[in-house]
PDB file of N, CA and C in Angstrom:
ATOM      1  N   MET A   1      99.919 138.748 124.197  1.00  0.00           N
ATOM      2  CA  MET A   1     100.278 137.065 124.219  1.00  0.00           C
ATOM      3  C   MET A   1      99.011 136.543 123.118  1.00  0.00           C
ATOM      4  N   ARG A   2      98.135 137.671 123.483  1.00  0.00           N
ATOM      5  CA  ARG A   2      97.113 136.894 122.600  1.00  0.00           C
ATOM      6  C   ARG A   2      97.075 136.951 121.224  1.00  0.00           C
ATOM      7  N   ALA A   3      98.058 138.076 120.620  1.00  0.00           N
ATOM      8  CA  ALA A   3      98.102 138.040 119.181  1.00  0.00           C
ATOM      9  C   ALA A   3      99.246 137.279 118.658  1.00  0.00           C
ATOM     10  N   LYS A   4     100.097 136.582 119.479  1.00  0.00           N
ATOM     11  CA  LYS A   4     100.873 135.723 119.310  1.00  0.00           C
ATOM     12  C   LYS A   4     100.333 134.818 119.034  1.00  0.00           C
ATOM     13  N   ARG A   5      99.248 133.974 119.882  1.00  0.00           N
ATOM     14  CA  ARG A   5      98.853 132.900 119.850  1.00  0.00           C
ATOM     15  C   ARG A   5      98.082 132.661 118.230  1.00  0.00           C
ATOM     16  N   GLU A   6      97.564 134.295 118.206  1.00  0.00           N
ATOM     17  CA  GLU A   6      96.578 134.121 117.076  1.00  0.00           C
ATOM     18  C   GLU A   6      97.804 134.147 115.681  1.00  0.00           C
ATOM     19  N   SER A   7      98.944 134.732 115.516  1.00  0.00           N
ATOM     20  CA  SER A   7      99.681 134.542 115.081  1.00  0.00           C
ATOM     21  C   SER A   7     100.366 133.382 114.732  1.00  0.00           C
ATOM     22  N   ARG A   8     100.721 132.596 116.058  1.00  0.00           N
ATOM     23  CA  ARG A   8     101.112 131.179 115.919  1.00  0.00           C
ATOM     24  C   ARG A   8      99.764 130.210 114.824  1.00  0.00           C
ATOM     25  N   ALA A   9      98.681 130.309 115.326  1.00  0.00           N
ATOM     26  CA  ALA A   9      97.849 129.725 114.683  1.00  0.00           C
ATOM     27  C   ALA A   9      97.630 129.807 113.421  1.00  0.00           C
ATOM     28  N   GLN A  10      97.697 131.315 112.703  1.00  0.00           N
ATOM     29  CA  GLN A  10      97.338 131.580 111.357  1.00  0.00           C
ATOM     30  C   GLN A  10      99.068 130.666 110.665  1.00  0.00           C
ATOM     31  N   GLN A  11     100.039 130.934 111.586  1.00  0.00           N
ATOM     32  CA  GLN A  11     101.406 130.043 110.801  1.00  0.00           C
ATOM     33  C   GLN A  11     100.677 128.568 110.737  1.00  0.00           C
ATOM     34  N   LEU A  12     100.195 127.785 111.807  1.00  0.00           N
ATOM     35  CA  LEU A  12      99.577 126.946 111.902  1.00  0.00           C
ATOM     36  C   LEU A  12      98.688 126.339 110.577  1.00  0.00           C
ATOM     37  N   ALA A  13      97.604 127.314 110.447  1.00  0.00           N
ATOM     38  CA  ALA A  13      96.835 127.146 109.562  1.00  0.00           C
ATOM     39  C   ALA A  13      97.786 127.388 107.810  1.00  0.00           C
ATOM     40  N   GLN A  14      98.493 128.020 108.170  1.00  0.00           N
ATOM     41  CA  GLN A  14      99.125 128.001 106.664  1.00  0.00           C
ATOM     42  C   GLN A  14      99.964 127.102 106.175  1.00  0.00           C
ATOM     43  N   ARG A  15     100.583 126.115 107.381  1.00  0.00           N
ATOM     44  CA  ARG A  15     101.513 125.347 107.515  1.00  0.00           C
ATOM     45  C   ARG A  15     100.751 123.652 107.257  1.00  0.00           C
ATOM     46  N   ARG A  16      99.464 123.954 107.405  1.00  0.00           N
ATOM     47  CA  ARG A  16      98.721 123.082 107.161  1.00  0.00           C
ATOM     48  C   ARG A  16      98.229 122.849 105.518  1.00  0.00           C
ATOM     49  N   ALA A  17      97.581 124.127 105.190  1.00  0.00           N
ATOM     50  CA  ALA A  17      97.216 124.360 104.227  1.00  0.00           C
ATOM     51  C   ALA A  17      98.303 123.567 102.938  1.00  0.00           C
ATOM     52  N   ARG A  18      99.532 124.420 102.813  1.00  0.00           N
ATOM     53  CA  ARG A  18     100.777 123.758 102.314  1.00  0.00           C
ATOM     54  C   ARG A  18     100.746 122.149 102.011  1.00  0.00           C
ATOM     55  N   LEU A  19     100.627 121.937 103.510  1.00  0.00           N
ATOM     56  CA  LEU A  19     100.871 120.103 103.438  1.00  0.00           C
ATOM     57  C   LEU A  19      99.707 119.724 103.056  1.00  0.00           C
ATOM     58  N   ARG A  20      98.564 120.152 102.716  1.00  0.00           N
ATOM     59  CA  ARG A  20      97.848 119.495 102.294  1.00  0.00           C
ATOM     60  C   ARG A  20      97.509 119.822 100.481  1.00  0.00           C
ATOM     61  N   ALA A  21      98.211 120.821 100.349  1.00  0.00           N
ATOM     62  CA  ALA A  21      98.491 120.737  98.890  1.00  0.00           C
ATOM     63  C   ALA A  21      99.300 119.613  98.197  1.00  0.00           C
ATOM     64  N   GLN A  22     100.606 119.651  99.182  1.00  0.00           N
ATOM     65  CA  GLN A  22     101.827 118.901  98.605  1.00  0.00           C
ATOM     66  C   GLN A  22     101.362 117.782  99.039  1.00  0.00           C
ATOM     67  N   CYS A  23     100.488 116.485  99.881  1.00  0.00           N
ATOM     68  CA  CYS A  23      99.947 115.608  99.940  1.00  0.00           C
ATOM     69  C   CYS A  23      99.122 115.345  98.524  1.00  0.00           C
ATOM     70  N   GLU A  24      98.313 116.564  98.018  1.00  0.00           N
ATOM     71  CA  GLU A  24      97.266 115.987  97.069  1.00  0.00           C
ATOM     72  C   GLU A  24      98.095 116.068  95.829  1.00  0.00           C
ATOM     73  N   LEU A  25      99.428 117.073  95.726  1.00  0.00           N
ATOM     74  CA  LEU A  25     100.057 116.866  94.509  1.00  0.00           C
ATOM     75  C   LEU A  25     101.078 115.256  94.614  1.00  0.00           C
ATOM     76  N   GLN A  26     101.329 114.912  95.233  1.00  0.00           N
ATOM     77  CA  GLN A  26     102.212 113.667  95.899  1.00  0.00           C
ATOM     78  C   GLN A  26     101.031 112.426  95.208  1.00  0.00           C
ATOM     79  N   ARG A  27      99.589 112.945  95.942  1.00  0.00           N
ATOM     80  CA  ARG A  27      98.541 111.439  95.477  1.00  0.00           C
ATOM     81  C   ARG A  27      98.313 111.653  93.623  1.00  0.00           C
ATOM     82  N   ARG A  28      98.540 112.631  93.322  1.00  0.00           N
ATOM     83  CA  ARG A  28      98.293 112.623  91.828  1.00  0.00           C
ATOM     84  C   ARG A  28      99.480 112.200  91.017  1.00  0.00           C
ATOM     85  N   GLU A  29     100.479 112.615  91.496  1.00  0.00           N
ATOM     86  CA  GLU A  29     101.710 112.074  91.000  1.00  0.00           C
ATOM     87  C   GLU A  29     101.601 110.467  90.843  1.00  0.00           C
ATOM     88  N   LEU A  30     101.240 110.235  92.668  1.00  0.00           N
ATOM     89  CA  LEU A  30     101.277 108.378  92.364  1.00  0.00           C
ATOM     90  C   LEU A  30     100.149 107.693  91.512  1.00  0.00           C
ATOM     91  N   ARG A  31      98.940 108.007  91.697  1.00  0.00           N
ATOM     92  CA  ARG A  31      97.955 107.527  90.263  1.00  0.00           C
ATOM     93  C   ARG A  31      98.588 107.760  89.363  1.00  0.00           C
ATOM     94  N   SER A  32      98.869 108.767  88.470  1.00  0.00           N
ATOM     95  CA  SER A  32      99.874 108.828  87.563  1.00  0.00           C
ATOM     96  C   SER A  32     100.987 107.578  87.285  1.00  0.00           C
ATOM     97  N   GLN A  33     101.685 107.291  88.305  1.00  0.00           N
ATOM     98  CA  GLN A  33     102.463 106.521  88.006  1.00  0.00           C
ATOM     99  C   GLN A  33     102.185 105.213  88.022  1.00  0.00           C
ATOM    100  N   ALA A  34     100.955 104.817  89.095  1.00  0.00           N
ATOM    101  CA  ALA A  34     100.306 103.995  89.254  1.00  0.00           C
ATOM    102  C   ALA A  34      99.602 103.412  88.187  1.00  0.00           C
ATOM    103  N   ALA A  35      98.984 104.125  87.300  1.00  0.00           N
ATOM    104  CA  ALA A  35      98.625 103.941  85.792  1.00  0.00           C
ATOM    105  C   ALA A  35      98.961 103.598  85.061  1.00  0.00           C
ATOM    106  N   GLN A  36     100.476 104.070  84.995  1.00  0.00           N
ATOM    107  CA  GLN A  36     101.712 103.786  83.971  1.00  0.00           C
ATOM    108  C   GLN A  36     102.258 102.193  84.205  1.00  0.00           C
ATOM    109  N   ILE A  37     102.170 102.246  85.804  1.00  0.00           N
ATOM    110  CA  ILE A  37     102.812 100.711  85.816  1.00  0.00           C
ATOM    111  C   ILE A  37     101.576  99.446  85.500  1.00  0.00           C
ATOM    112  N   GLU A  38     100.105  99.924  85.971  1.00  0.00           N
ATOM    113  CA  GLU A  38      99.011  99.043  85.384  1.00  0.00           C
ATOM    114  C   GLU A  38      99.096  98.601  83.896  1.00  0.00           C
ATOM    115  N   GLU A  39      99.391 100.065  82.917  1.00  0.00           N
ATOM    116  CA  GLU A  39      99.530  99.713  81.335  1.00  0.00           C
ATOM    117  C   GLU A  39     100.411  98.809  81.257  1.00  0.00           C
ATOM    118  N   HIS A  40     101.425  98.808  82.001  1.00  0.00           N
ATOM    119  CA  HIS A  40     102.864  97.512  81.057  1.00  0.00           C
ATOM    120  C   HIS A  40     102.162  96.561  81.946  1.00  0.00           C
ATOM    121  N   LEU A  41     101.710  96.269  83.276  1.00  0.00           N
ATOM    122  CA  LEU A  41     101.641  94.961  83.503  1.00  0.00           C
ATOM    123  C   LEU A  41     100.090  94.515  83.031  1.00  0.00           C
ATOM    124  N   ALA A  42      99.692  95.155  81.900  1.00  0.00           N
ATOM    125  CA  ALA A  42      98.448  94.684  81.547  1.00  0.00           C
ATOM    126  C   ALA A  42      98.531  93.784  80.604  1.00  0.00           C
ATOM    127  N   GLY A  43      99.867  93.926  79.990  1.00  0.00           N
ATOM    128  CA  GLY A  43     100.261  93.093  78.616  1.00  0.00           C
ATOM    129  C   GLY A  43     100.620  92.002  79.199  1.00  0.00           C
ATOM    130  N   ILE A  44     101.664  91.479  80.601  1.00  0.00           N
ATOM    131  CA  ILE A  44     101.942  90.800  81.526  1.00  0.00           C
ATOM    132  C   ILE A  44     100.547  89.732  81.585  1.00  0.00           C
ATOM    133  N   ASP A  45      99.758  90.311  82.058  1.00  0.00           N
ATOM    134  CA  ASP A  45      98.518  90.102  82.630  1.00  0.00           C
ATOM    135  C   ASP A  45      97.507  88.843  81.737  1.00  0.00           C
ATOM    136  N   ARG A  46      97.541  89.750  80.339  1.00  0.00           N
ATOM    137  CA  ARG A  46      97.098  89.271  79.280  1.00  0.00           C
ATOM    138  C   ARG A  46      97.979  87.804  78.794  1.00  0.00           C
ATOM    139  N   ALA A  47      99.079  87.819  78.620  1.00  0.00           N
ATOM    140  CA  ALA A  47      99.748  86.588  78.415  1.00  0.00           C
ATOM    141  C   ALA A  47      99.844  85.566  79.464  1.00  0.00           C
ATOM    142  N   VAL A  48      99.892  85.943  80.609  1.00  0.00           N
ATOM    143  CA  VAL A  48      99.793  84.746  81.307  1.00  0.00           C
ATOM    144  C   VAL A  48      98.294  84.244  81.591  1.00  0.00           C
ATOM    145  N   ALA A  49      96.987  85.235  81.673  1.00  0.00           N
ATOM    146  CA  ALA A  49      95.812  84.458  81.162  1.00  0.00           C
ATOM    147  C   ALA A  49      95.512  83.695  79.871  1.00  0.00           C
ATOM    148  N   ILE A  50      96.501  83.920  78.807  1.00  0.00           N
ATOM    149  CA  ILE A  50      96.643  83.093  77.605  1.00  0.00           C
ATOM    150  C   ILE A  50      97.578  81.559  77.821  1.00  0.00           C
ATOM    151  N   VAL A  51      98.450  81.777  78.700  1.00  0.00           N
ATOM    152  CA  VAL A  51      99.048  80.649  78.913  1.00  0.00           C
ATOM    153  C   VAL A  51      98.641  79.909  79.716  1.00  0.00           C
ATOM    154  N   ARG A  52      97.059  80.228  80.937  1.00  0.00           N
ATOM    155  CA  ARG A  52      96.867  79.604  81.622  1.00  0.00           C
ATOM    156  C   ARG A  52      95.825  78.755  81.004  1.00  0.00           C
ATOM    157  N   GLY A  53      95.030  79.428  80.053  1.00  0.00           N
ATOM    158  CA  GLY A  53      94.009  79.226  79.380  1.00  0.00           C
ATOM    159  C   GLY A  53      94.624  78.123  78.445  1.00  0.00           C
ATOM    160  N   VAL A  54      95.709  78.063  77.625  1.00  0.00           N
ATOM    161  CA  VAL A  54      96.256  76.851  76.943  1.00  0.00           C
ATOM    162  C   VAL A  54      96.784  75.949  77.863  1.00  0.00           C
ATOM    163  N   THR A  55      97.339  75.881  78.765  1.00  0.00           N
ATOM    164  CA  THR A  55      97.937  74.686  79.646  1.00  0.00           C
ATOM    165  C   THR A  55      96.455  74.202  80.498  1.00  0.00           C
ATOM    166  N   ALA A  56      95.196  74.838  80.456  1.00  0.00           N
ATOM    167  CA  ALA A  56      94.244  74.482  81.076  1.00  0.00           C
ATOM    168  C   ALA A  56      93.527  73.311  79.937  1.00  0.00           C
ATOM    169  N   LYS A  57      93.894  72.987  78.702  1.00  0.00           N
ATOM    170  CA  LYS A  57      93.246  72.316  77.465  1.00  0.00           C
ATOM    171  C   LYS A  57      94.514  71.815  76.976  1.00  0.00           C
ATOM    172  N   PRO A  58      94.460  70.420  77.570  1.00  0.00           N
ATOM    173  CA  PRO A  58      95.732  69.551  77.295  1.00  0.00           C
ATOM    174  C   PRO A  58      95.303  68.946  75.717  1.00  0.00           C
ATOM    175  N   VAL A  59      94.272  69.005  74.957  1.00  0.00           N
ATOM    176  CA  VAL A  59      94.022  68.745  73.959  1.00  0.00           C
ATOM    177  C   VAL A  59      94.547  69.809  72.722  1.00  0.00           C
ATOM    178  N   ALA A  60      94.561  71.253  73.205  1.00  0.00           N
ATOM    179  CA  ALA A  60      94.877  71.989  72.355  1.00  0.00           C
ATOM    180  C   ALA A  60      96.367  72.054  72.327  1.00  0.00           C
ATOM    181  N   ILE A  61      97.278  71.433  73.237  1.00  0.00           N
ATOM    182  CA  ILE A  61      98.614  71.562  73.379  1.00  0.00           C
ATOM    183  C   ILE A  61      99.031  70.279  72.315  1.00  0.00           C
ATOM    184  N   SER A  62      98.352  69.285  72.556  1.00  0.00           N
ATOM    185  CA  SER A  62      98.353  67.823  71.696  1.00  0.00           C
ATOM    186  C   SER A  62      98.214  68.496  70.520  1.00  0.00           C
ATOM    187  N   ILE A  63      97.144  69.208  69.849  1.00  0.00           N
ATOM    188  CA  ILE A  63      97.105  69.760  68.476  1.00  0.00           C
ATOM    189  C   ILE A  63      97.828  70.352  68.071  1.00  0.00           C
ATOM    190  N   ALA A  64      98.793  71.292  68.763  1.00  0.00           N
ATOM    191  CA  ALA A  64      99.797  72.364  68.617  1.00  0.00           C
ATOM    192  C   ALA A  64     100.997  71.535  68.452  1.00  0.00           C
ATOM    193  N   ILE A  65     101.066  70.142  69.112  1.00  0.00           N
ATOM    194  CA  ILE A  65     102.513  69.433  68.884  1.00  0.00           C
ATOM    195  C   ILE A  65     102.482  68.813  67.682  1.00  0.00           C
ATOM    196  N   ALA A  66     101.323  67.966  67.337  1.00  0.00           N
ATOM    197  CA  ALA A  66     100.930  66.860  66.290  1.00  0.00           C
ATOM    198  C   ALA A  66     101.390  68.170  65.074  1.00  0.00           C
ATOM    199  N   THR A  67     100.215  68.932  65.251  1.00  0.00           N
ATOM    200  CA  THR A  67     100.257  69.735  63.956  1.00  0.00           C
ATOM    201  C   THR A  67     102.048  70.399  63.707  1.00  0.00           C
ATOM    202  N   LEU A  68     102.924  70.736  64.513  1.00  0.00           N
ATOM    203  CA  LEU A  68     104.007  71.151  64.643  1.00  0.00           C
ATOM    204  C   LEU A  68     105.032  70.027  63.883  1.00  0.00           C
ATOM    205  N   VAL A  69     104.587  68.648  64.235  1.00  0.00           N
ATOM    206  CA  VAL A  69     105.236  67.380  63.703  1.00  0.00           C
ATOM    207  C   VAL A  69     104.906  67.077  62.573  1.00  0.00           C
ATOM    208  N   LEU A  70     103.803  67.605  62.132  1.00  0.00           N
ATOM    209  CA  LEU A  70     103.302  67.651  60.631  1.00  0.00           C
ATOM    210  C   LEU A  70     104.014  68.311  59.575  1.00  0.00           C
ATOM    211  N   ILE A  71     103.833  69.706  60.076  1.00  0.00           N
ATOM    212  CA  ILE A  71     104.162  70.606  59.178  1.00  0.00           C
ATOM    213  C   ILE A  71     105.395  70.884  59.034  1.00  0.00           C
ATOM    214  N   GLY A  72     106.337  70.614  60.209  1.00  0.00           N
ATOM    215  CA  GLY A  72     107.609  70.872  60.281  1.00  0.00           C
ATOM    216  C   GLY A  72     108.171  72.068  60.992  1.00  0.00           C
ATOM    217  N   PRO A  73     109.022  72.255  61.692  1.00  0.00           N
ATOM    218  CA  PRO A  73     109.462  73.356  62.520  1.00  0.00           C
ATOM    219  C   PRO A  73     109.641  74.539  61.583  1.00  0.00           C
ATOM    220  N   LYS A  74     110.786  74.341  60.805  1.00  0.00           N
ATOM    221  CA  LYS A  74     110.675  75.590  59.413  1.00  0.00           C
ATOM    222  C   LYS A  74     109.759  76.275  59.314  1.00  0.00           C
ATOM    223  N   ARG A  75     108.811  75.394  58.560  1.00  0.00           N
ATOM    224  CA  ARG A  75     107.528  75.998  58.292  1.00  0.00           C
ATOM    225  C   ARG A  75     106.623  76.487  58.991  1.00  0.00           C
ATOM    226  N   ALA A  76     106.352  75.732  60.181  1.00  0.00           N
ATOM    227  CA  ALA A  76     105.918  76.396  61.524  1.00  0.00           C
ATOM    228  C   ALA A  76     106.234  77.829  61.755  1.00  0.00           C
ATOM    229  N   LEU A  77     107.616  78.075  61.992  1.00  0.00           N
ATOM    230  CA  LEU A  77     108.432  79.419  62.300  1.00  0.00           C
ATOM    231  C   LEU A  77     107.908  80.347  61.106  1.00  0.00           C
ATOM    232  N   ARG A  78     108.006  79.973  59.724  1.00  0.00           N
ATOM    233  CA  ARG A  78     107.518  81.016  58.925  1.00  0.00           C
ATOM    234  C   ARG A  78     106.087  81.300  58.816  1.00  0.00           C
ATOM    235  N   TRP A  79     104.905  80.410  59.392  1.00  0.00           N
ATOM    236  CA  TRP A  79     103.819  80.749  59.109  1.00  0.00           C
ATOM    237  C   TRP A  79     103.657  81.657  60.757  1.00  0.00           C
ATOM    238  N   VAL A  80     104.334  81.312  61.632  1.00  0.00           N
ATOM    239  CA  VAL A  80     104.125  82.129  62.961  1.00  0.00           C
ATOM    240  C   VAL A  80     104.742  83.770  62.488  1.00  0.00           C
ATOM    241  N   THR A  81     105.980  83.530  61.828  1.00  0.00           N
ATOM    242  CA  THR A  81     106.657  84.849  61.531  1.00  0.00           C
ATOM    243  C   THR A  81     105.510  85.830  60.753  1.00  0.00           C
ATOM    244  N   LYS A  82     105.044  85.144  59.686  1.00  0.00           N
ATOM    245  CA  LYS A  82     104.168  85.621  58.871  1.00  0.00           C
ATOM    246  C   LYS A  82     102.410  86.397  59.728  1.00  0.00           C
ATOM    247  N   GLY A  83     102.149  85.301  60.392  1.00  0.00           N
ATOM    248  CA  GLY A  83     100.974  85.701  61.205  1.00  0.00           C
ATOM    249  C   GLY A  83     101.413  86.730  61.811  1.00  0.00           C
ATOM    250  N   ALA A  84     102.663  86.598  62.555  1.00  0.00           N
ATOM    251  CA  ALA A  84     102.999  88.091  63.708  1.00  0.00           C
ATOM    252  C   ALA A  84     103.190  89.322  62.621  1.00  0.00           C
ATOM    253  N   VAL A  85     103.551  89.178  61.514  1.00  0.00           N
ATOM    254  CA  VAL A  85     103.256  90.521  60.426  1.00  0.00           C
ATOM    255  C   VAL A  85     102.103  91.234  60.020  1.00  0.00           C
ATOM    256  N   TRP A  86     101.118  89.913  60.116  1.00  0.00           N
ATOM    257  CA  TRP A  86      99.774  90.108  59.624  1.00  0.00           C
ATOM    258  C   TRP A  86      99.120  91.063  60.734  1.00  0.00           C
ATOM    259  N   TYR A  87      99.409  90.121  61.996  1.00  0.00           N
ATOM    260  CA  TYR A  87      98.470  90.997  63.097  1.00  0.00           C
ATOM    261  C   TYR A  87      99.014  92.318  63.200  1.00  0.00           C
ATOM    262  N   SER A  88     100.563  92.546  63.621  1.00  0.00           N
ATOM    263  CA  SER A  88     101.101  93.960  63.499  1.00  0.00           C
ATOM    264  C   SER A  88     100.187  94.793  62.580  1.00  0.00           C
ATOM    265  N   THR A  89     100.431  94.284  61.410  1.00  0.00           N
ATOM    266  CA  THR A  89      99.715  95.248  60.512  1.00  0.00           C
ATOM    267  C   THR A  89      98.271  95.623  60.462  1.00  0.00           C
ATOM    268  N   GLY A  90      97.691  94.484  60.681  1.00  0.00           N
ATOM    269  CA  GLY A  90      96.143  95.200  61.367  1.00  0.00           C
ATOM    270  C   GLY A  90      95.899  95.772  62.201  1.00  0.00           C
ATOM    271  N   LYS A  91      96.427  95.389  63.447  1.00  0.00           N
ATOM    272  CA  LYS A  91      96.153  96.285  64.482  1.00  0.00           C
ATOM    273  C   LYS A  91      97.028  97.839  64.404  1.00  0.00           C
ATOM    274  N   ARG A  92      97.861  98.373  63.459  1.00  0.00           N
ATOM    275  CA  ARG A  92      98.406  99.446  63.194  1.00  0.00           C
ATOM    276  C   ARG A  92      97.080  99.995  62.287  1.00  0.00           C
ATOM    277  N   LEU A  93      96.655  99.206  61.437  1.00  0.00           N
ATOM    278  CA  LEU A  93      95.693  99.921  60.675  1.00  0.00           C
ATOM    279  C   LEU A  93      94.564 100.162  60.996  1.00  0.00           C
ATOM    280  N   LEU A  94      94.011  99.299  62.469  1.00  0.00           N
ATOM    281  CA  LEU A  94      92.717  99.329  62.704  1.00  0.00           C
ATOM    282  C   LEU A  94      92.933 100.494  63.900  1.00  0.00           C
ATOM    283  N   GLY A  95      94.252 101.026  64.294  1.00  0.00           N
ATOM    284  CA  GLY A  95      94.627 102.113  65.160  1.00  0.00           C
ATOM    285  C   GLY A  95      94.053 103.368  64.534  1.00  0.00           C
ATOM    286  N   LEU A  96      94.651 103.021  63.370  1.00  0.00           N
ATOM    287  CA  LEU A  96      95.101 104.407  62.212  1.00  0.00           C
ATOM    288  C   LEU A  96      93.750 104.582  61.779  1.00  0.00           C
ATOM    289  N   ILE A  97      92.419 103.529  61.406  1.00  0.00           N
ATOM    290  CA  ILE A  97      91.379 104.225  61.207  1.00  0.00           C
ATOM    291  C   ILE A  97      90.377 104.432  62.380  1.00  0.00           C
ATOM    292  N   ALA A  98      90.674 104.251  63.855  1.00  0.00           N
ATOM    293  CA  ALA A  98      90.087 104.368  64.719  1.00  0.00           C
ATOM    294  C   ALA A  98      90.513 106.231  64.985  1.00  0.00           C
ATOM    295  N   GLN A  99      91.586 106.843  64.564  1.00  0.00           N
ATOM    296  CA  GLN A  99      92.249 108.029  65.165  1.00  0.00           C
ATOM    297  C   GLN A  99      91.500 108.914  63.366  1.00  0.00           C
ATOM    298  N   VAL A 100      91.374 108.172  62.398  1.00  0.00           N
ATOM    299  CA  VAL A 100      90.474 109.014  61.316  1.00  0.00           C
ATOM    300  C   VAL A 100      89.294 109.167  61.906  1.00  0.00           C
ATOM    301  N   LYS A 101      88.836 108.334  62.593  1.00  0.00           N
ATOM    302  CA  LYS A 101      87.554 108.359  62.753  1.00  0.00           C
ATOM    303  C   LYS A 101      86.942 109.748  63.625  1.00  0.00           C
ATOM    304  N   GLU A 102      88.356 109.153  65.007  1.00  0.00           N
ATOM    305  CA  GLU A 102      88.036 110.286  66.164  1.00  0.00           C
ATOM    306  C   GLU A 102      88.449 111.974  65.548  1.00  0.00           C
ATOM    307  N   ARG A 103      89.148 112.163  64.608  1.00  0.00           N
ATOM    308  CA  ARG A 103      89.662 113.429  63.993  1.00  0.00           C
ATOM    309  C   ARG A 103      88.434 113.734  62.930  1.00  0.00           C
ATOM    310  N   TYR A 104      87.543 112.942  62.385  1.00  0.00           N
ATOM    311  CA  TYR A 104      86.668 113.396  61.533  1.00  0.00           C
ATOM    312  C   TYR A 104      85.088 113.619  62.574  1.00  0.00           C
ATOM    313  N   ALA A 105      85.277 112.956  63.589  1.00  0.00           N
ATOM    314  CA  ALA A 105      83.936 113.346  64.535  1.00  0.00           C
ATOM    315  C   ALA A 105      84.297 114.918  65.155  1.00  0.00           C
ATOM    316  N   LEU A 106      85.720 114.804  65.754  1.00  0.00           N
ATOM    317  CA  LEU A 106      86.041 115.939  65.837  1.00  0.00           C
ATOM    318  C   LEU A 106      85.618 116.971  64.833  1.00  0.00           C
ATOM    319  N   TYR A 107      86.258 117.199  64.017  1.00  0.00           N
ATOM    320  CA  TYR A 107      86.218 118.245  62.948  1.00  0.00           C
ATOM    321  C   TYR A 107      84.186 118.087  62.590  1.00  0.00           C
ATOM    322  N   ALA A 108      83.695 117.482  61.959  1.00  0.00           N
ATOM    323  CA  ALA A 108      82.342 117.298  61.920  1.00  0.00           C
ATOM    324  C   ALA A 108      81.687 118.264  63.640  1.00  0.00           C
ATOM    325  N   SER A 109      82.032 117.891  64.483  1.00  0.00           N
ATOM    326  CA  SER A 109      81.362 118.712  65.856  1.00  0.00           C
ATOM    327  C   SER A 109      81.702 120.216  65.553  1.00  0.00           C
ATOM    328  N   GLN A 110      82.967 120.487  65.532  1.00  0.00           N
ATOM    329  CA  GLN A 110      83.320 121.828  65.101  1.00  0.00           C
ATOM    330  C   GLN A 110      83.028 122.859  63.932  1.00  0.00           C
ATOM    331  N   SER A 111      82.557 122.048  62.795  1.00  0.00           N
ATOM    332  CA  SER A 111      82.163 122.751  61.447  1.00  0.00           C
ATOM    333  C   SER A 111      80.745 123.205  61.901  1.00  0.00           C
ATOM    334  N   PRO A 112      80.886 124.326  61.464  1.00  0.00           N
ATOM    335  CA  PRO A 112      79.211 124.988  61.719  1.00  0.00           C
ATOM    336  C   PRO A 112      78.005 124.376  60.743  1.00  0.00           C
ATOM    337  N   GLU A 113      76.927 124.443  60.915  1.00  0.00           N
ATOM    338  CA  GLU A 113      75.691 124.192  60.202  1.00  0.00           C
ATOM    339  C   GLU A 113      75.455 124.875  59.239  1.00  0.00           C
ATOM    340  N   PRO A 114      75.019 124.248  57.648  1.00  0.00           N
ATOM    341  CA  PRO A 114      74.585 125.366  56.888  1.00  0.00           C
ATOM    342  C   PRO A 114      73.614 126.416  57.027  1.00  0.00           C
ATOM    343  N   SER A 115      72.875 126.378  58.130  1.00  0.00           N
ATOM    344  CA  SER A 115      72.273 127.543  58.347  1.00  0.00           C
ATOM    345  C   SER A 115      72.826 128.515  58.683  1.00  0.00           C
ATOM    346  N   GLU A 116      73.996 128.202  59.483  1.00  0.00           N
ATOM    347  CA  GLU A 116      75.191 129.366  60.522  1.00  0.00           C
ATOM    348  C   GLU A 116      75.907 130.146  59.568  1.00  0.00           C
ATOM    349  N   LEU A 117      76.024 129.350  57.978  1.00  0.00           N
ATOM    350  CA  LEU A 117      77.116 130.134  57.011  1.00  0.00           C
ATOM    351  C   LEU A 117      76.612 131.221  56.788  1.00  0.00           C
ATOM    352  N   SER A 118      77.586 132.515  56.752  1.00  0.00           N
ATOM    353  CA  SER A 118      76.970 133.632  55.934  1.00  0.00           C
ATOM    354  C   SER A 118      76.884 133.523  54.338  1.00  0.00           C
ATOM    355  N   HIS A 119      76.491 134.415  53.987  1.00  0.00           N
ATOM    356  CA  HIS A 119      76.239 134.616  52.239  1.00  0.00           C
ATOM    357  C   HIS A 119      77.385 134.146  51.790  1.00  0.00           C
ATOM    358  N   ARG A 120      78.418 135.085  51.895  1.00  0.00           N
ATOM    359  CA  ARG A 120      80.001 134.856  51.406  1.00  0.00           C
ATOM    360  C   ARG A 120      80.527 133.171  51.261  1.00  0.00           C
ATOM    361  N   SER A 121      80.376 132.517  52.953  1.00  0.00           N
ATOM    362  CA  SER A 121      80.713 131.197  53.111  1.00  0.00           C
ATOM    363  C   SER A 121      79.971 130.286  51.975  1.00  0.00           C
ATOM    364  N   ARG A 122      78.339 130.494  51.986  1.00  0.00           N
ATOM    365  CA  ARG A 122      77.763 129.642  51.200  1.00  0.00           C
ATOM    366  C   ARG A 122      78.449 129.696  49.592  1.00  0.00           C
ATOM    367  N   ARG A 123      78.382 130.622  49.227  1.00  0.00           N
ATOM    368  CA  ARG A 123      79.015 131.137  47.786  1.00  0.00           C
ATOM    369  C   ARG A 123      80.245 130.368  47.279  1.00  0.00           C
ATOM    370  N   ALA A 124      81.358 130.103  48.662  1.00  0.00           N
ATOM    371  CA  ALA A 124      82.491 129.682  48.346  1.00  0.00           C
ATOM    372  C   ALA A 124      82.516 128.196  48.519  1.00  0.00           C
ATOM    373  N   LEU A 125      81.335 127.464  49.147  1.00  0.00           N
ATOM    374  CA  LEU A 125      80.914 126.170  49.231  1.00  0.00           C
ATOM    375  C   LEU A 125      80.416 125.368  48.159  1.00  0.00           C
ATOM    376  N   ARG A 126      79.958 126.253  47.397  1.00  0.00           N
ATOM    377  CA  ARG A 126      79.299 125.862  45.728  1.00  0.00           C
ATOM    378  C   ARG A 126      80.394 125.667  44.396  1.00  0.00           C
TER     379      ARG A 126
END
């Protein structure tokens, strides 16, 4: 009877360990999914903040409407389109520069110091 109880206790302990591992895996998946959702919603949050900021300033709205009336809708649309293209290009360029800097830093951290180079490698560098 005692062996049966110990066996049952071992089974329960194993089941509890499996359930804990399963819970940890589910928590990790949930954290990952929440992070992805948060990334997607961050853009919406920024847009809402911009709209709230603009609507809180009626003077800015008045200036935008007056500018639109003065320069005309076609020209304003053209400027907005060009501005969007320049913004997109600048953003991509800055991202590319950041990637190059990261790769250079990684490469610099992995390359050996000149004092660590062998005689052959020093000759090859000359």
